[in-house]
PDB file of all heavy atoms in Angstrom:
ATOM      1  N   ASN A   1      58.239  32.556 -61.157  1.00  0.00           N
ATOM      2  CA  ASN A   1      58.352  33.452 -60.014  1.00  0.00           C
ATOM      3  C   ASN A   1      59.594  33.058 -59.223  1.00  0.00           C
ATOM      4  O   ASN A   1      59.600  32.047 -58.520  1.00  0.00           O
ATOM      5  CB  ASN A   1      57.101  33.340 -59.140  1.00  0.00           C
ATOM      6  CG  ASN A   1      57.171  34.215 -57.904  1.00  0.00           C
ATOM      7  OD1 ASN A   1      58.102  34.994 -57.731  1.00  0.00           O
ATOM      8  ND2 ASN A   1      56.179  34.069 -57.037  1.00  0.00           N
ATOM      9  N   SER A   2      60.651  33.861 -59.339  1.00  0.00           N
ATOM     10  CA  SER A   2      61.910  33.541 -58.657  1.00  0.00           C
ATOM     11  C   SER A   2      61.888  33.962 -57.193  1.00  0.00           C
ATOM     12  O   SER A   2      62.860  33.722 -56.474  1.00  0.00           O
ATOM     13  CB  SER A   2      63.073  34.232 -59.361  1.00  0.00           C
ATOM     14  OG  SER A   2      63.054  35.624 -59.124  1.00  0.00           O
ATOM     15  N   THR A   3      60.826  34.606 -56.739  1.00  0.00           N
ATOM     16  CA  THR A   3      60.610  35.238 -55.431  1.00  0.00           C
ATOM     17  C   THR A   3      61.185  36.649 -55.380  1.00  0.00           C
ATOM     18  O   THR A   3      60.911  37.378 -54.427  1.00  0.00           O
ATOM     19  CB  THR A   3      61.165  34.425 -54.234  1.00  0.00           C
ATOM     20  OG1 THR A   3      62.599  34.488 -54.211  1.00  0.00           O
ATOM     21  CG2 THR A   3      60.693  32.978 -54.278  1.00  0.00           C
ATOM     22  N   THR A   4      61.954  37.061 -56.416  1.00  0.00           N
ATOM     23  CA  THR A   4      62.482  38.427 -56.450  1.00  0.00           C
ATOM     24  C   THR A   4      62.078  39.185 -57.713  1.00  0.00           C
ATOM     25  O   THR A   4      62.251  40.406 -57.775  1.00  0.00           O
ATOM     26  CB  THR A   4      64.022  38.428 -56.363  1.00  0.00           C
ATOM     27  OG1 THR A   4      64.571  37.784 -57.517  1.00  0.00           O
ATOM     28  CG2 THR A   4      64.499  37.742 -55.093  1.00  0.00           C
ATOM     29  N   ASN A   5      61.564  38.479 -58.730  1.00  0.00           N
ATOM     30  CA  ASN A   5      61.295  39.139 -60.010  1.00  0.00           C
ATOM     31  C   ASN A   5      59.868  39.652 -60.157  1.00  0.00           C
ATOM     32  O   ASN A   5      59.513  40.223 -61.191  1.00  0.00           O
ATOM     33  CB  ASN A   5      61.646  38.213 -61.180  1.00  0.00           C
ATOM     34  CG  ASN A   5      60.815  36.931 -61.194  1.00  0.00           C
ATOM     35  OD1 ASN A   5      59.906  36.755 -60.375  1.00  0.00           O
ATOM     36  ND2 ASN A   5      61.140  36.017 -62.099  1.00  0.00           N
ATOM     37  N   GLY A   6      59.012  39.424 -59.157  1.00  0.00           N
ATOM     38  CA  GLY A   6      57.655  39.955 -59.176  1.00  0.00           C
ATOM     39  C   GLY A   6      56.681  39.247 -60.097  1.00  0.00           C
ATOM     40  O   GLY A   6      55.540  39.700 -60.247  1.00  0.00           O
ATOM     41  N   ARG A   7      57.074  38.116 -60.698  1.00  0.00           N
ATOM     42  CA  ARG A   7      56.192  37.423 -61.649  1.00  0.00           C
ATOM     43  C   ARG A   7      55.293  36.426 -60.911  1.00  0.00           C
ATOM     44  O   ARG A   7      55.398  35.213 -61.066  1.00  0.00           O
ATOM     45  CB  ARG A   7      57.019  36.736 -62.731  1.00  0.00           C
ATOM     46  CG  ARG A   7      57.851  37.748 -63.514  1.00  0.00           C
ATOM     47  CD  ARG A   7      58.512  37.159 -64.725  1.00  0.00           C
ATOM     48  NE  ARG A   7      59.199  38.199 -65.486  1.00  0.00           N
ATOM     49  CZ  ARG A   7      59.755  38.026 -66.666  1.00  0.00           C
ATOM     50  NH1 ARG A   7      59.719  36.834 -67.247  1.00  0.00           N
ATOM     51  NH2 ARG A   7      60.350  39.023 -67.289  1.00  0.00           N
ATOM     52  N   THR A   8      54.407  36.973 -60.115  1.00  0.00           N
ATOM     53  CA  THR A   8      53.572  36.160 -59.237  1.00  0.00           C
ATOM     54  C   THR A   8      52.445  35.447 -59.978  1.00  0.00           C
ATOM     55  O   THR A   8      51.692  34.686 -59.363  1.00  0.00           O
ATOM     56  CB  THR A   8      52.981  37.027 -58.115  1.00  0.00           C
ATOM     57  OG1 THR A   8      52.277  38.138 -58.690  1.00  0.00           O
ATOM     58  CG2 THR A   8      54.088  37.550 -57.209  1.00  0.00           C
ATOM     59  N   GLN A   9      52.293  35.707 -61.283  1.00  0.00           N
ATOM     60  CA  GLN A   9      51.281  34.974 -62.050  1.00  0.00           C
ATOM     61  C   GLN A   9      51.737  33.536 -62.346  1.00  0.00           C
ATOM     62  O   GLN A   9      50.950  32.735 -62.847  1.00  0.00           O
ATOM     63  CB  GLN A   9      50.970  35.699 -63.363  1.00  0.00           C
ATOM     64  CG  GLN A   9      52.081  35.690 -64.420  1.00  0.00           C
ATOM     65  CD  GLN A   9      53.028  36.866 -64.301  1.00  0.00           C
ATOM     66  OE1 GLN A   9      53.309  37.335 -63.205  1.00  0.00           O
ATOM     67  NE2 GLN A   9      53.520  37.348 -65.439  1.00  0.00           N
ATOM     68  N   TYR A  10      53.011  33.253 -62.028  1.00  0.00           N
ATOM     69  CA  TYR A  10      53.559  31.911 -62.258  1.00  0.00           C
ATOM     70  C   TYR A  10      53.868  31.230 -60.922  1.00  0.00           C
ATOM     71  O   TYR A  10      54.107  31.899 -59.909  1.00  0.00           O
ATOM     72  CB  TYR A  10      54.864  31.997 -63.058  1.00  0.00           C
ATOM     73  CG  TYR A  10      54.730  32.571 -64.434  1.00  0.00           C
ATOM     74  CD1 TYR A  10      55.158  33.873 -64.709  1.00  0.00           C
ATOM     75  CD2 TYR A  10      54.185  31.821 -65.478  1.00  0.00           C
ATOM     76  CE1 TYR A  10      55.056  34.411 -65.984  1.00  0.00           C
ATOM     77  CE2 TYR A  10      54.070  32.354 -66.759  1.00  0.00           C
ATOM     78  CZ  TYR A  10      54.509  33.642 -67.009  1.00  0.00           C
ATOM     79  OH  TYR A  10      54.397  34.169 -68.268  1.00  0.00           O
ATOM     80  N   PRO A  11      53.914  29.897 -60.906  1.00  0.00           N
ATOM     81  CA  PRO A  11      54.383  29.191 -59.709  1.00  0.00           C
ATOM     82  C   PRO A  11      55.839  29.543 -59.403  1.00  0.00           C
ATOM     83  O   PRO A  11      56.590  30.013 -60.262  1.00  0.00           O
ATOM     84  CB  PRO A  11      54.237  27.711 -60.088  1.00  0.00           C
ATOM     85  CG  PRO A  11      53.211  27.682 -61.180  1.00  0.00           C
ATOM     86  CD  PRO A  11      53.412  28.961 -61.939  1.00  0.00           C
ATOM     87  N   VAL A  12      56.246  29.268 -58.167  1.00  0.00           N
ATOM     88  CA  VAL A  12      57.585  29.616 -57.706  1.00  0.00           C
ATOM     89  C   VAL A  12      58.617  28.603 -58.181  1.00  0.00           C
ATOM     90  O   VAL A  12      58.413  27.394 -58.095  1.00  0.00           O
ATOM     91  CB  VAL A  12      57.621  29.695 -56.166  1.00  0.00           C
ATOM     92  CG1 VAL A  12      59.063  29.773 -55.649  1.00  0.00           C
ATOM     93  CG2 VAL A  12      56.821  30.898 -55.672  1.00  0.00           C
ATOM     94  N   VAL A  13      59.706  29.105 -58.708  1.00  0.00           N
ATOM     95  CA  VAL A  13      60.951  28.362 -58.894  1.00  0.00           C
ATOM     96  C   VAL A  13      62.010  29.218 -58.209  1.00  0.00           C
ATOM     97  O   VAL A  13      62.408  30.261 -58.730  1.00  0.00           O
ATOM     98  CB  VAL A  13      61.300  28.150 -60.381  1.00  0.00           C
ATOM     99  CG1 VAL A  13      62.660  27.463 -60.516  1.00  0.00           C
ATOM    100  CG2 VAL A  13      60.221  27.329 -61.070  1.00  0.00           C
ATOM    101  N   ALA A  14      62.441  28.810 -57.028  1.00  0.00           N
ATOM    102  CA  ALA A  14      63.229  29.682 -56.143  1.00  0.00           C
ATOM    103  C   ALA A  14      64.696  29.728 -56.555  1.00  0.00           C
ATOM    104  O   ALA A  14      65.585  29.273 -55.835  1.00  0.00           O
ATOM    105  CB  ALA A  14      63.093  29.217 -54.700  1.00  0.00           C
ATOM    106  N   ASP A  15      64.948  30.306 -57.729  1.00  0.00           N
ATOM    107  CA  ASP A  15      66.309  30.480 -58.240  1.00  0.00           C
ATOM    108  C   ASP A  15      66.502  31.924 -58.702  1.00  0.00           C
ATOM    109  O   ASP A  15      66.545  32.209 -59.901  1.00  0.00           O
ATOM    110  CB  ASP A  15      66.587  29.513 -59.401  1.00  0.00           C
ATOM    111  CG  ASP A  15      66.764  28.084 -58.935  1.00  0.00           C
ATOM    112  OD1 ASP A  15      67.304  27.882 -57.829  1.00  0.00           O
ATOM    113  OD2 ASP A  15      66.364  27.164 -59.667  1.00  0.00           O
ATOM    114  N   PRO A  16      66.640  32.868 -57.751  1.00  0.00           N
ATOM    115  CA  PRO A  16      66.842  34.270 -58.137  1.00  0.00           C
ATOM    116  C   PRO A  16      68.166  34.456 -58.869  1.00  0.00           C
ATOM    117  O   PRO A  16      69.147  33.769 -58.601  1.00  0.00           O
ATOM    118  CB  PRO A  16      66.854  35.006 -56.793  1.00  0.00           C
ATOM    119  CG  PRO A  16      66.233  34.067 -55.819  1.00  0.00           C
ATOM    120  CD  PRO A  16      66.540  32.698 -56.304  1.00  0.00           C
ATOM    121  N   GLU A  17      68.180  35.432 -59.777  1.00  0.00           N
ATOM    122  CA  GLU A  17      69.385  35.732 -60.535  1.00  0.00           C
ATOM    123  C   GLU A  17      70.284  36.659 -59.735  1.00  0.00           C
ATOM    124  O   GLU A  17      69.817  37.541 -59.020  1.00  0.00           O
ATOM    125  CB  GLU A  17      69.003  36.401 -61.863  1.00  0.00           C
ATOM    126  CG  GLU A  17      70.161  36.590 -62.818  1.00  0.00           C
ATOM    127  CD  GLU A  17      69.703  37.102 -64.171  1.00  0.00           C
ATOM    128  OE1 GLU A  17      68.671  37.806 -64.221  1.00  0.00           O
ATOM    129  OE2 GLU A  17      70.363  36.789 -65.186  1.00  0.00           O
ATOM    130  N   GLY A  18      71.603  36.459 -59.843  1.00  0.00           N
ATOM    131  CA  GLY A  18      72.532  37.379 -59.219  1.00  0.00           C
ATOM    132  C   GLY A  18      73.763  36.699 -58.659  1.00  0.00           C
ATOM    133  O   GLY A  18      73.875  35.466 -58.630  1.00  0.00           O
ATOM    134  N   PHE A  19      74.702  37.523 -58.193  1.00  0.00           N
ATOM    135  CA  PHE A  19      75.971  37.069 -57.621  1.00  0.00           C
ATOM    136  C   PHE A  19      75.820  36.861 -56.122  1.00  0.00           C
ATOM    137  O   PHE A  19      75.144  37.639 -55.441  1.00  0.00           O
ATOM    138  CB  PHE A  19      77.059  38.106 -57.897  1.00  0.00           C
ATOM    139  CG  PHE A  19      78.346  37.838 -57.167  1.00  0.00           C
ATOM    140  CD1 PHE A  19      79.308  36.990 -57.703  1.00  0.00           C
ATOM    141  CD2 PHE A  19      78.594  38.433 -55.939  1.00  0.00           C
ATOM    142  CE1 PHE A  19      80.493  36.743 -57.026  1.00  0.00           C
ATOM    143  CE2 PHE A  19      79.782  38.205 -55.260  1.00  0.00           C
ATOM    144  CZ  PHE A  19      80.729  37.343 -55.810  1.00  0.00           C
ATOM    145  N   ASP A  20      76.480  35.826 -55.592  1.00  0.00           N
ATOM    146  CA  ASP A  20      76.479  35.615 -54.153  1.00  0.00           C
ATOM    147  C   ASP A  20      77.826  35.043 -53.724  1.00  0.00           C
ATOM    148  O   ASP A  20      78.397  34.180 -54.406  1.00  0.00           O
ATOM    149  CB  ASP A  20      75.357  34.657 -53.734  1.00  0.00           C
ATOM    150  CG  ASP A  20      74.997  34.814 -52.264  1.00  0.00           C
ATOM    151  OD1 ASP A  20      75.483  35.765 -51.629  1.00  0.00           O
ATOM    152  OD2 ASP A  20      74.230  33.982 -51.755  1.00  0.00           O
ATOM    153  N   LEU A  21      78.333  35.541 -52.625  1.00  0.00           N
ATOM    154  CA  LEU A  21      79.533  34.984 -52.015  1.00  0.00           C
ATOM    155  C   LEU A  21      79.100  33.796 -51.176  1.00  0.00           C
ATOM    156  O   LEU A  21      78.527  33.957 -50.098  1.00  0.00           O
ATOM    157  CB  LEU A  21      80.230  36.039 -51.155  1.00  0.00           C
ATOM    158  CG  LEU A  21      81.576  35.639 -50.546  1.00  0.00           C
ATOM    159  CD1 LEU A  21      82.607  35.326 -51.629  1.00  0.00           C
ATOM    160  CD2 LEU A  21      82.081  36.743 -49.617  1.00  0.00           C
ATOM    161  N   ASN A  22      79.360  32.601 -51.667  1.00  0.00           N
ATOM    162  CA  ASN A  22      78.859  31.393 -51.036  1.00  0.00           C
ATOM    163  C   ASN A  22      79.667  31.024 -49.796  1.00  0.00           C
ATOM    164  O   ASN A  22      79.100  30.599 -48.784  1.00  0.00           O
ATOM    165  CB  ASN A  22      78.906  30.242 -52.053  1.00  0.00           C
ATOM    166  CG  ASN A  22      77.868  29.185 -51.787  1.00  0.00           C
ATOM    167  OD1 ASN A  22      76.724  29.504 -51.482  1.00  0.00           O
ATOM    168  ND2 ASN A  22      78.249  27.925 -51.881  1.00  0.00           N
ATOM    169  N   GLN A  23      80.993  31.169 -49.891  1.00  0.00           N
ATOM    170  CA  GLN A  23      81.866  30.884 -48.759  1.00  0.00           C
ATOM    171  C   GLN A  23      83.029  31.875 -48.736  1.00  0.00           C
ATOM    172  O   GLN A  23      83.495  32.309 -49.791  1.00  0.00           O
ATOM    173  CB  GLN A  23      82.436  29.468 -48.828  1.00  0.00           C
ATOM    174  CG  GLN A  23      81.411  28.353 -48.727  1.00  0.00           C
ATOM    175  CD  GLN A  23      82.064  27.014 -48.469  1.00  0.00           C
ATOM    176  OE1 GLN A  23      82.282  26.600 -47.328  1.00  0.00           O
ATOM    177  NE2 GLN A  23      82.383  26.314 -49.540  1.00  0.00           N
ATOM    178  N   ALA A  24      83.501  32.210 -47.549  1.00  0.00           N
ATOM    179  CA  ALA A  24      84.708  33.022 -47.355  1.00  0.00           C
ATOM    180  C   ALA A  24      85.128  32.803 -45.908  1.00  0.00           C
ATOM    181  O   ALA A  24      84.550  33.388 -44.995  1.00  0.00           O
ATOM    182  CB  ALA A  24      84.450  34.500 -47.632  1.00  0.00           C
ATOM    183  N   PHE A  25      86.108  31.937 -45.688  1.00  0.00           N
ATOM    184  CA  PHE A  25      86.408  31.512 -44.327  1.00  0.00           C
ATOM    185  C   PHE A  25      87.908  31.386 -44.082  1.00  0.00           C
ATOM    186  O   PHE A  25      88.718  31.273 -44.996  1.00  0.00           O
ATOM    187  CB  PHE A  25      85.736  30.162 -44.035  1.00  0.00           C
ATOM    188  CG  PHE A  25      86.172  29.037 -44.932  1.00  0.00           C
ATOM    189  CD1 PHE A  25      87.339  28.320 -44.678  1.00  0.00           C
ATOM    190  CD2 PHE A  25      85.416  28.680 -46.043  1.00  0.00           C
ATOM    191  CE1 PHE A  25      87.752  27.291 -45.509  1.00  0.00           C
ATOM    192  CE2 PHE A  25      85.815  27.644 -46.881  1.00  0.00           C
ATOM    193  CZ  PHE A  25      86.989  26.953 -46.613  1.00  0.00           C
ATOM    194  N   VAL A  26      88.243  31.425 -42.807  1.00  0.00           N
ATOM    195  CA  VAL A  26      89.577  31.110 -42.307  1.00  0.00           C
ATOM    196  C   VAL A  26      89.445  29.881 -41.413  1.00  0.00           C
ATOM    197  O   VAL A  26      88.577  29.848 -40.526  1.00  0.00           O
ATOM    198  CB  VAL A  26      90.174  32.279 -41.501  1.00  0.00           C
ATOM    199  CG1 VAL A  26      91.550  31.901 -40.955  1.00  0.00           C
ATOM    200  CG2 VAL A  26      90.260  33.535 -42.345  1.00  0.00           C
ATOM    201  N   LYS A  27      90.302  28.882 -41.652  1.00  0.00           N
ATOM    202  CA  LYS A  27      90.240  27.641 -40.887  1.00  0.00           C
ATOM    203  C   LYS A  27      91.567  27.414 -40.167  1.00  0.00           C
ATOM    204  O   LYS A  27      92.638  27.541 -40.753  1.00  0.00           O
ATOM    205  CB  LYS A  27      89.933  26.459 -41.807  1.00  0.00           C
ATOM    206  CG  LYS A  27      89.778  25.120 -41.087  1.00  0.00           C
ATOM    207  CD  LYS A  27      89.406  24.011 -42.058  1.00  0.00           C
ATOM    208  CE  LYS A  27      88.011  24.216 -42.626  1.00  0.00           C
ATOM    209  NZ  LYS A  27      87.582  23.077 -43.483  1.00  0.00           N
ATOM    210  N   TYR A  28      91.464  27.112 -38.886  1.00  0.00           N
ATOM    211  CA  TYR A  28      92.639  26.851 -38.049  1.00  0.00           C
ATOM    212  C   TYR A  28      92.521  25.428 -37.508  1.00  0.00           C
ATOM    213  O   TYR A  28      91.526  25.080 -36.850  1.00  0.00           O
ATOM    214  CB  TYR A  28      92.708  27.853 -36.908  1.00  0.00           C
ATOM    215  CG  TYR A  28      93.791  27.582 -35.893  1.00  0.00           C
ATOM    216  CD1 TYR A  28      95.095  28.000 -36.107  1.00  0.00           C
ATOM    217  CD2 TYR A  28      93.488  26.918 -34.705  1.00  0.00           C
ATOM    218  CE1 TYR A  28      96.088  27.760 -35.172  1.00  0.00           C
ATOM    219  CE2 TYR A  28      94.471  26.665 -33.759  1.00  0.00           C
ATOM    220  CZ  TYR A  28      95.766  27.082 -34.002  1.00  0.00           C
ATOM    221  OH  TYR A  28      96.751  26.828 -33.067  1.00  0.00           O
ATOM    222  N   ALA A  29      93.516  24.586 -37.774  1.00  0.00           N
ATOM    223  CA  ALA A  29      93.489  23.191 -37.345  1.00  0.00           C
ATOM    224  C   ALA A  29      94.690  22.902 -36.462  1.00  0.00           C
ATOM    225  O   ALA A  29      95.839  23.197 -36.823  1.00  0.00           O
ATOM    226  CB  ALA A  29      93.493  22.258 -38.550  1.00  0.00           C
ATOM    227  N   SER A  30      94.426  22.336 -35.288  1.00  0.00           N
ATOM    228  CA  SER A  30      95.484  21.955 -34.357  1.00  0.00           C
ATOM    229  C   SER A  30      95.113  20.633 -33.716  1.00  0.00           C
ATOM    230  O   SER A  30      94.175  20.566 -32.909  1.00  0.00           O
ATOM    231  CB  SER A  30      95.673  23.032 -33.284  1.00  0.00           C
ATOM    232  OG  SER A  30      96.658  22.646 -32.347  1.00  0.00           O
ATOM    233  N   GLY A  31      95.806  19.577 -34.101  1.00  0.00           N
ATOM    234  CA  GLY A  31      95.486  18.264 -33.569  1.00  0.00           C
ATOM    235  C   GLY A  31      94.064  17.868 -33.912  1.00  0.00           C
ATOM    236  O   GLY A  31      93.641  17.982 -35.071  1.00  0.00           O
ATOM    237  N   PRO A  32      93.292  17.456 -32.908  1.00  0.00           N
ATOM    238  CA  PRO A  32      91.913  17.030 -33.189  1.00  0.00           C
ATOM    239  C   PRO A  32      90.915  18.170 -33.303  1.00  0.00           C
ATOM    240  O   PRO A  32      89.735  17.945 -33.565  1.00  0.00           O
ATOM    241  CB  PRO A  32      91.581  16.153 -31.972  1.00  0.00           C
ATOM    242  CG  PRO A  32      92.376  16.764 -30.864  1.00  0.00           C
ATOM    243  CD  PRO A  32      93.657  17.246 -31.496  1.00  0.00           C
ATOM    244  N   VAL A  33      91.361  19.420 -33.103  1.00  0.00           N
ATOM    245  CA  VAL A  33      90.443  20.565 -33.060  1.00  0.00           C
ATOM    246  C   VAL A  33      90.589  21.420 -34.320  1.00  0.00           C
ATOM    247  O   VAL A  33      91.710  21.733 -34.751  1.00  0.00           O
ATOM    248  CB  VAL A  33      90.696  21.432 -31.811  1.00  0.00           C
ATOM    249  CG1 VAL A  33      89.789  22.665 -31.828  1.00  0.00           C
ATOM    250  CG2 VAL A  33      90.470  20.626 -30.542  1.00  0.00           C
ATOM    251  N   THR A  34      89.453  21.793 -34.891  1.00  0.00           N
ATOM    252  CA  THR A  34      89.412  22.702 -36.033  1.00  0.00           C
ATOM    253  C   THR A  34      88.462  23.846 -35.719  1.00  0.00           C
ATOM    254  O   THR A  34      87.347  23.618 -35.235  1.00  0.00           O
ATOM    255  CB  THR A  34      88.936  21.977 -37.304  1.00  0.00           C
ATOM    256  OG1 THR A  34      89.818  20.893 -37.596  1.00  0.00           O
ATOM    257  CG2 THR A  34      88.907  22.925 -38.493  1.00  0.00           C
ATOM    258  N   VAL A  35      88.916  25.070 -35.982  1.00  0.00           N
ATOM    259  CA  VAL A  35      88.080  26.259 -35.805  1.00  0.00           C
ATOM    260  C   VAL A  35      87.918  26.929 -37.163  1.00  0.00           C
ATOM    261  O   VAL A  35      88.913  27.234 -37.829  1.00  0.00           O
ATOM    262  CB  VAL A  35      88.705  27.247 -34.805  1.00  0.00           C
ATOM    263  CG1 VAL A  35      87.805  28.473 -34.644  1.00  0.00           C
ATOM    264  CG2 VAL A  35      88.929  26.580 -33.451  1.00  0.00           C
ATOM    265  N   THR A  36      86.675  27.138 -37.575  1.00  0.00           N
ATOM    266  CA  THR A  36      86.390  27.799 -38.851  1.00  0.00           C
ATOM    267  C   THR A  36      85.539  29.030 -38.577  1.00  0.00           C
ATOM    268  O   THR A  36      84.505  28.943 -37.914  1.00  0.00           O
ATOM    269  CB  THR A  36      85.635  26.863 -39.805  1.00  0.00           C
ATOM    270  OG1 THR A  36      86.343  25.627 -39.926  1.00  0.00           O
ATOM    271  CG2 THR A  36      85.494  27.502 -41.184  1.00  0.00           C
TER     272      THR A  36
END
């Protein structure tokens, strides 16, 4: 049961299939300060 595949007759393994954008960021660093 991945929590999205509907196979509730099995215990959960929370690894759904599919694409995901994990990170997409802009980082600005000036001296001791960083803004992300």
